């Protein structure tokens, strides 16, 4: 028998003797496993796409103006202010003031903003050692 067919038959004989799968069997298991995973992901993607097509997003319609009572809303406290900052200010006032209160205006202090930048510069200068 020529050596090449013996070399091809050797792993199969060795696998039969040891009970371990051959390289080609391992590769086939991995390929089949990957195909199963890809098919499952494809089916999930298809199901989600179909649900998105069948169940479109329902936009809430605004309530009719006549049904809602007219509410006199005050002008915004600060133009362009972040709502989270205003909420934090309102929470701080509510925790300090025990009686009913109303915040009328929030005015940023330009000097306070400069104080923060001056404090930052001071911290940087203080971190350097003088020789």
Protein backbone atom coordinates (compact mmCIF):
# COMPACT_ATOMS: atom_id res chain seq x y z
CA UNK A 1 0.00 0.00 0.00
CA UNK A 2 1.41 3.45 -0.85
CA UNK A 3 2.28 5.70 2.12
CA UNK A 4 -0.24 8.42 1.29
CA UNK A 5 -3.43 6.32 1.80
CA UNK A 6 -1.86 4.92 4.98
CA UNK A 7 -1.36 8.47 6.25
CA UNK A 8 -4.99 9.24 5.54
CA UNK A 9 -6.15 6.02 7.20
CA UNK A 10 -3.93 6.48 10.29
CA UNK A 11 -6.09 9.13 12.03
CA UNK A 12 -9.22 7.07 11.46
CA UNK A 13 -7.55 3.95 12.86
CA UNK A 14 -6.16 5.92 15.82
CA UNK A 15 -9.59 7.47 16.48
CA UNK A 16 -11.19 4.03 16.34
CA UNK A 17 -8.67 2.64 18.82
CA UNK A 18 -8.84 5.57 21.29
CA UNK A 19 -12.53 6.39 20.86
CA UNK A 20 -11.74 10.05 20.11
CA UNK A 21 -13.24 11.82 17.06
CA UNK A 22 -10.99 12.70 14.16
CA UNK A 23 -10.11 16.21 13.06
CA UNK A 24 -12.67 16.17 10.26
CA UNK A 25 -15.38 15.02 12.65
CA UNK A 26 -14.51 17.88 15.03
CA UNK A 27 -14.63 20.39 12.19
CA UNK A 28 -17.97 19.04 10.99
CA UNK A 29 -19.43 19.37 14.51
CA UNK A 30 -18.23 22.97 14.70
CA UNK A 31 -19.61 23.86 11.27
CA UNK A 32 -22.98 22.30 12.07
CA UNK A 33 -23.06 24.14 15.40
CA UNK A 34 -22.29 27.47 13.74
CA UNK A 35 -25.00 26.87 11.14
CA UNK A 36 -27.55 26.12 13.87
CA UNK A 37 -26.62 29.31 15.76
CA UNK A 38 -26.79 31.44 12.59
CA UNK A 39 -30.15 29.92 11.65
CA UNK A 40 -31.54 30.64 15.13
CA UNK A 41 -30.28 34.23 15.00
CA UNK A 42 -31.76 34.66 11.54
CA UNK A 43 -35.14 33.38 12.74
CA UNK A 44 -35.04 35.74 15.74
CA UNK A 45 -34.18 38.65 13.46
CA UNK A 46 -37.03 37.73 11.14
CA UNK A 47 -39.47 37.46 14.07
CA UNK A 48 -38.47 40.87 15.43
CA UNK A 49 -38.78 42.43 11.99
CA UNK A 50 -42.22 40.93 11.52
CA UNK A 51 -43.35 42.18 14.93
CA UNK A 52 -42.08 45.64 14.08
CA UNK A 53 -44.01 45.54 10.84
CA UNK A 54 -47.20 44.14 12.38
CA UNK A 55 -47.19 46.32 15.51
CA UNK A 56 -46.23 49.83 14.45
CA UNK A 57 -45.41 52.34 17.14
CA UNK A 58 -48.58 54.00 18.31
CA UNK A 59 -48.11 57.71 18.76
CA UNK A 60 -50.16 59.26 21.51
CA UNK A 61 -52.55 61.88 20.25
CA UNK A 62 -52.59 65.09 22.27
CA UNK A 63 -55.72 65.68 24.30
CA UNK A 64 -58.18 68.12 22.79
CA UNK A 65 -57.67 71.67 24.03
CA UNK A 66 -61.29 72.02 25.16
CA UNK A 67 -61.11 68.96 27.42
CA UNK A 68 -58.06 70.12 29.37
CA UNK A 69 -58.44 72.98 31.82
CA UNK A 70 -56.44 76.08 31.00
CA UNK A 71 -53.31 76.22 33.14
CA UNK A 72 -51.48 79.50 33.54
CA UNK A 73 -47.87 78.42 33.30
CA UNK A 74 -45.22 80.92 34.31
CA UNK A 75 -42.41 81.86 32.00
CA UNK A 76 -39.31 79.68 32.28
CA UNK A 77 -37.03 80.64 35.15
CA UNK A 78 -33.90 80.74 33.02
CA UNK A 79 -33.81 80.63 29.25
CA UNK A 80 -31.84 77.62 28.04
CA UNK A 81 -31.22 76.28 31.55
CA UNK A 82 -30.92 72.55 32.07
CA UNK A 83 -34.03 71.12 33.74
CA UNK A 84 -31.91 68.90 35.98
CA UNK A 85 -30.16 71.92 37.46
CA UNK A 86 -33.47 73.66 38.08
CA UNK A 87 -34.84 70.50 39.70
CA UNK A 88 -31.79 70.31 41.98
CA UNK A 89 -32.26 73.96 42.98
CA UNK A 90 -35.96 73.36 43.68
CA UNK A 91 -35.15 70.27 45.78
CA UNK A 92 -32.55 72.21 47.77
CA UNK A 93 -35.03 75.02 48.47
CA UNK A 94 -37.73 72.52 49.46
CA UNK A 95 -35.39 70.80 51.92
CA UNK A 96 -34.36 74.09 53.58
CA UNK A 97 -37.63 76.06 53.58
CA UNK A 98 -40.33 74.46 55.71
CA UNK A 99 -43.25 76.70 54.74
CA UNK A 100 -44.89 76.86 51.28
CA UNK A 101 -42.69 78.61 48.77
CA UNK A 102 -42.39 79.52 45.13
CA UNK A 103 -39.19 80.02 43.17
CA UNK A 104 -39.62 83.12 41.07
CA UNK A 105 -36.28 83.47 39.34
CA UNK A 106 -32.93 81.74 39.09
CA UNK A 107 -30.18 84.06 37.96
CA UNK A 108 -26.68 82.73 37.25
CA UNK A 109 -23.91 84.68 38.95
CA UNK A 110 -21.06 85.47 36.51
CA UNK A 111 -18.67 86.09 39.40
CA UNK A 112 -19.37 82.61 40.79
CA UNK A 113 -18.57 81.07 37.41
CA UNK A 114 -15.25 82.94 37.38
CA UNK A 115 -14.59 81.71 40.92
CA UNK A 116 -14.74 78.10 39.71
CA UNK A 117 -12.17 78.73 36.97
CA UNK A 118 -9.95 80.60 39.46
CA UNK A 119 -10.18 77.65 41.86
CA UNK A 120 -9.17 75.30 39.07
CA UNK A 121 -6.14 77.40 38.21
CA UNK A 122 -5.21 77.61 41.90
CA UNK A 123 -5.38 73.81 42.21
CA UNK A 124 -3.15 73.39 39.15
CA UNK A 125 -0.59 75.90 40.39
CA UNK A 126 -0.61 74.37 43.87
CA UNK A 127 0.10 70.91 42.45
CA UNK A 128 3.46 72.01 41.02
CA UNK A 129 6.49 72.05 43.26
CA UNK A 130 8.58 75.20 43.30
CA UNK A 131 12.32 74.55 42.98
